[in-house]
């Protein structure tokens, strides 16, 4: 069965594409919604304006949507409320269970930013919140290249995620977290693959996207990339 599943996935690159964090997310799944609503002081600023951030992504999405990192289905629900057709992808089995319980009948599959089932309809928008940093910068580049080939001519990518203006700003944020005693947050920033705006600007431009960045809280930026007709 495993070889059949692998052959069904697009882009088996032989890399982890963020799945090294699956165990963490399986464990986090049952308290995730508490965290994003501000009940964990260490992550309160990361998730400040959480509902507004999701709404910002949802209101700009259109057409047929592919959502990466569905989690517990919070963004998915907002997209569905707008009447959009959503295909959800989530590598954590425990997160998928919760999302499917919340949103019965919605297709939510095992998949990640680079490996996911073939979707045989035109894709107008790729969306994601709080997830793109699970990829290394090299993997991010491979992902954006893939999306440029899969999107419609006027397609769009809308990702909201923790991003830093510069590497120096990232270092300052780690130092701030340590001074506050937010050791889990500091470790997350140090060990996951949080990137910078210049790196993302280059990746998107190299793959024929124009891109804009809008700061939504102290940590999170909206990445709004539009495919350029070539």
Protein backbone atom coordinates (compact mmCIF):
# COMPACT_ATOMS: atom_id res chain seq x y z
CA UNK A 1 0.00 0.00 0.00
CA UNK A 2 2.78 2.48 0.79
CA UNK A 3 4.13 2.53 -2.75
CA UNK A 4 0.62 3.17 -4.09
CA UNK A 5 0.16 6.11 -1.74
CA UNK A 6 3.54 7.55 -2.70
CA UNK A 7 2.74 7.35 -6.40
CA UNK A 8 -0.48 9.27 -5.75
CA UNK A 9 1.39 12.27 -4.35
CA UNK A 10 2.72 15.16 -6.37
CA UNK A 11 6.36 16.06 -5.91
CA UNK A 12 7.94 13.28 -3.86
CA UNK A 13 11.25 15.11 -3.43
CA UNK A 14 12.77 12.76 -0.87
CA UNK A 15 12.81 15.52 1.76
CA UNK A 16 10.98 16.01 5.02
CA UNK A 17 8.92 19.07 3.93
CA UNK A 18 8.02 19.85 7.53
CA UNK A 19 6.86 16.41 8.54
CA UNK A 20 9.58 16.23 11.21
CA UNK A 21 7.14 18.37 13.24
CA UNK A 22 4.21 15.93 12.96
CA UNK A 23 4.68 14.43 16.42
CA UNK A 24 4.66 17.90 17.96
CA UNK A 25 1.43 18.80 16.19
CA UNK A 26 -0.22 15.50 17.09
CA UNK A 27 0.49 16.34 20.74
CA UNK A 28 -0.58 19.98 20.33
CA UNK A 29 -3.80 19.23 18.47
CA UNK A 30 -6.10 19.05 21.51
CA UNK A 31 -4.91 22.36 23.00
CA UNK A 32 -4.20 24.22 19.74
CA UNK A 33 -7.43 26.22 19.77
CA UNK A 34 -6.73 27.33 23.34
CA UNK A 35 -3.26 28.51 22.32
CA UNK A 36 -4.43 30.57 19.35
CA UNK A 37 -7.08 32.31 21.45
CA UNK A 38 -4.41 33.68 23.80
CA UNK A 39 -4.45 31.21 26.68
CA UNK A 40 -0.69 30.56 26.46
CA UNK A 41 1.27 33.68 27.54
CA UNK A 42 4.40 32.64 25.63
CA UNK A 43 2.55 32.64 22.32
CA UNK A 44 0.04 35.42 23.02
CA UNK A 45 1.81 37.92 20.77
CA UNK A 46 2.32 35.36 18.01
CA UNK A 47 -1.43 34.85 17.86
CA UNK A 48 -2.53 38.44 18.54
CA UNK A 49 -5.42 39.31 16.18
CA UNK A 50 -5.66 35.62 15.22
CA UNK A 51 -9.23 35.88 13.97
CA UNK A 52 -8.41 39.05 12.00
CA UNK A 53 -5.40 37.30 10.43
CA UNK A 54 -7.54 34.38 9.26
CA UNK A 55 -10.19 36.78 7.97
CA UNK A 56 -7.56 38.75 6.03
CA UNK A 57 -6.52 35.59 4.19
CA UNK A 58 -10.08 34.41 3.63
CA UNK A 59 -11.43 37.70 2.29
CA UNK A 60 -8.70 37.90 -0.37
CA UNK A 61 -9.05 34.29 -1.55
CA UNK A 62 -11.18 33.40 -4.55
CA UNK A 63 -12.15 30.49 -6.77
CA UNK A 64 -11.03 26.98 -5.95
CA UNK A 65 -8.78 26.97 -2.90
CA UNK A 66 -6.04 24.60 -1.76
CA UNK A 67 -5.22 25.10 1.92
CA UNK A 68 -1.93 23.87 3.36
CA UNK A 69 -1.72 23.06 7.06
CA UNK A 70 -5.43 23.00 7.82
CA UNK A 71 -4.73 22.31 11.49
CA UNK A 72 -8.04 22.23 13.36
CA UNK A 73 -9.92 23.85 10.47
CA UNK A 74 -10.25 27.46 11.63
CA UNK A 75 -9.28 29.10 8.33
CA UNK A 76 -11.10 26.40 6.39
CA UNK A 77 -14.34 27.35 8.11
CA UNK A 78 -13.95 31.00 7.14
CA UNK A 79 -13.29 30.05 3.51
CA UNK A 80 -16.36 27.81 3.45
CA UNK A 81 -18.47 30.59 4.96
CA UNK A 82 -17.57 32.66 1.90
CA UNK A 83 -18.91 29.90 -0.34
CA UNK A 84 -15.50 28.89 -1.64
CA UNK A 85 -14.55 25.39 -2.79
CA UNK A 86 -11.77 24.19 -0.48
CA UNK A 87 -9.38 21.25 -0.63
CA UNK A 88 -7.56 20.87 2.67
CA UNK A 89 -4.13 19.34 3.30
CA UNK A 90 -2.78 18.46 6.76
CA UNK A 91 0.11 16.11 7.58
CA UNK A 92 -0.80 15.64 11.26
CA UNK A 93 -3.26 12.76 11.68
CA UNK A 94 -4.57 14.15 14.99
CA UNK A 95 -5.14 17.61 13.52
CA UNK A 96 -6.94 16.04 10.57
CA UNK A 97 -9.29 14.17 12.89
CA UNK A 98 -10.28 17.35 14.70
CA UNK A 99 -10.75 19.29 11.45
CA UNK A 100 -12.89 16.52 9.95
CA UNK A 101 -15.06 16.43 13.07
CA UNK A 102 -15.56 20.20 12.82
CA UNK A 103 -16.14 20.18 9.07
CA UNK A 104 -17.80 16.92 7.99
CA UNK A 105 -17.87 16.41 4.25
CA UNK A 106 -14.96 18.72 3.50
CA UNK A 107 -12.06 16.99 1.69
CA UNK A 108 -9.13 17.13 4.11
CA UNK A 109 -6.26 14.89 3.03
CA UNK A 110 -2.85 13.83 4.26
CA UNK A 111 -0.53 16.22 2.46
CA UNK A 112 2.02 18.98 2.91
CA UNK A 113 3.43 21.92 0.96
CA UNK A 114 5.25 19.71 -1.56
CA UNK A 115 3.54 16.33 -1.45
CA UNK A 116 -0.21 16.24 -1.94
CA UNK A 117 -2.88 14.42 -3.95
CA UNK A 118 -3.48 15.46 -7.52
CA UNK A 119 -6.34 17.97 -7.71
CA UNK A 120 -7.93 17.69 -11.12
CA UNK A 121 -9.66 21.08 -11.21
CA UNK A 122 -8.15 24.53 -11.86
CA UNK A 123 -6.60 25.99 -8.70
CA UNK A 124 -7.10 29.73 -8.23
CA UNK A 125 -5.62 30.30 -4.77
CA UNK A 126 -3.20 28.58 -2.42
CA UNK A 127 -3.67 29.61 1.23
CA UNK A 128 -2.00 28.85 4.54
CA UNK A 129 -1.64 30.31 8.01
CA UNK A 130 1.10 29.69 10.57
CA UNK A 131 2.71 26.86 8.58
CA UNK A 132 5.06 27.89 5.75
CA UNK A 133 7.97 28.21 8.21
CA UNK A 134 8.03 24.41 8.53
CA UNK A 135 9.92 24.36 5.23
CA UNK A 136 13.57 25.26 4.79
CA UNK A 137 14.27 28.14 2.41
CA UNK A 138 15.30 25.60 -0.24
CA UNK A 139 12.01 23.76 0.21
CA UNK A 140 10.10 27.04 0.10
CA UNK A 141 11.66 27.72 -3.28
CA UNK A 142 10.65 24.30 -4.59
CA UNK A 143 7.12 24.80 -3.30
CA UNK A 144 6.64 28.20 -4.94
CA UNK A 145 8.01 26.88 -8.23
CA UNK A 146 5.47 24.04 -8.08
CA UNK A 147 2.59 26.42 -7.34
CA UNK A 148 3.52 28.62 -10.29
CA UNK A 149 2.97 25.58 -12.50
CA UNK A 150 -0.32 24.54 -10.86
CA UNK A 151 -2.12 27.87 -10.52
CA UNK A 152 -4.39 29.42 -13.11
CA UNK A 153 -2.93 32.29 -15.12
CA UNK A 154 -4.22 34.87 -12.62
CA UNK A 155 -3.61 32.65 -9.59
CA UNK A 156 -2.65 33.87 -6.15
CA UNK A 157 -0.83 32.72 -3.03
CA UNK A 158 -2.00 34.03 0.35
CA UNK A 159 0.12 32.89 3.27
CA UNK A 160 0.10 34.42 6.76
CA UNK A 161 3.09 33.37 8.81
CA UNK A 162 5.83 34.46 11.16
CA UNK A 163 8.44 36.22 9.04
CA UNK A 164 11.21 38.65 9.98
CA UNK A 165 12.22 41.82 8.19
CA UNK A 166 15.91 40.90 8.53
CA UNK A 167 18.11 38.29 10.19
CA UNK A 168 19.05 40.93 12.76
CA UNK A 169 15.37 41.39 13.66
CA UNK A 170 15.05 37.62 14.07
CA UNK A 171 18.01 37.57 16.48
CA UNK A 172 16.53 40.44 18.47
CA UNK A 173 13.23 38.57 18.79
CA UNK A 174 15.01 35.49 20.13
CA UNK A 175 16.82 37.66 22.67
CA UNK A 176 13.53 39.32 23.67
CA UNK A 177 11.83 35.95 24.16
CA UNK A 178 14.69 34.72 26.37
CA UNK A 179 14.60 37.89 28.49
CA UNK A 180 10.86 37.37 28.99
CA UNK A 181 11.47 33.77 30.05
CA UNK A 182 9.63 32.51 26.96
CA UNK A 183 12.05 29.64 26.44
CA UNK A 184 9.70 27.51 24.32
CA UNK A 185 9.10 30.42 21.96
CA UNK A 186 12.82 31.21 21.75
CA UNK A 187 13.58 27.58 20.95
CA UNK A 188 10.88 27.52 18.26
CA UNK A 189 12.33 30.58 16.54
CA UNK A 190 15.84 29.12 16.74
CA UNK A 191 15.00 25.61 15.53
CA UNK A 192 12.22 26.05 12.95
CA UNK A 193 12.82 27.58 9.54
CA UNK A 194 11.59 31.15 9.99
CA UNK A 195 12.82 33.25 7.10
CA UNK A 196 13.09 36.89 6.12
CA UNK A 197 11.24 39.15 3.72
CA UNK A 198 14.22 39.59 1.33
CA UNK A 199 14.56 35.80 0.99
CA UNK A 200 10.84 35.40 0.22
CA UNK A 201 10.90 38.38 -2.18
CA UNK A 202 13.64 36.67 -4.18
CA UNK A 203 11.89 33.28 -4.21
CA UNK A 204 8.61 34.71 -5.47
CA UNK A 205 10.18 37.00 -8.06
CA UNK A 206 12.30 34.15 -9.44
CA UNK A 207 9.10 32.16 -10.01
CA UNK A 208 7.17 34.92 -11.83
CA UNK A 209 5.15 36.26 -8.91
CA UNK A 210 4.74 39.82 -7.78
CA UNK A 211 4.55 39.86 -3.99
CA UNK A 212 3.51 42.26 -1.24
CA UNK A 213 3.99 41.94 2.51
CA UNK A 214 1.61 43.35 5.13
CA UNK A 215 2.43 43.20 8.84
CA UNK A 216 -0.51 41.85 10.86
CA UNK A 217 1.03 41.61 14.33
CA UNK A 218 4.51 41.68 15.89
CA UNK A 219 5.36 38.30 14.37
CA UNK A 220 3.01 37.60 11.47
CA UNK A 221 3.01 39.03 7.96
CA UNK A 222 0.54 38.46 5.15
CA UNK A 223 2.38 37.24 2.05
CA UNK A 224 0.26 38.16 -0.97
CA UNK A 225 1.75 36.85 -4.21
CA UNK A 226 0.12 37.15 -7.63
CA UNK A 227 1.18 35.08 -10.60
CA UNK A 228 2.38 37.17 -13.52
CA UNK A 229 1.11 36.24 -16.94
CA UNK A 230 4.10 35.18 -19.04
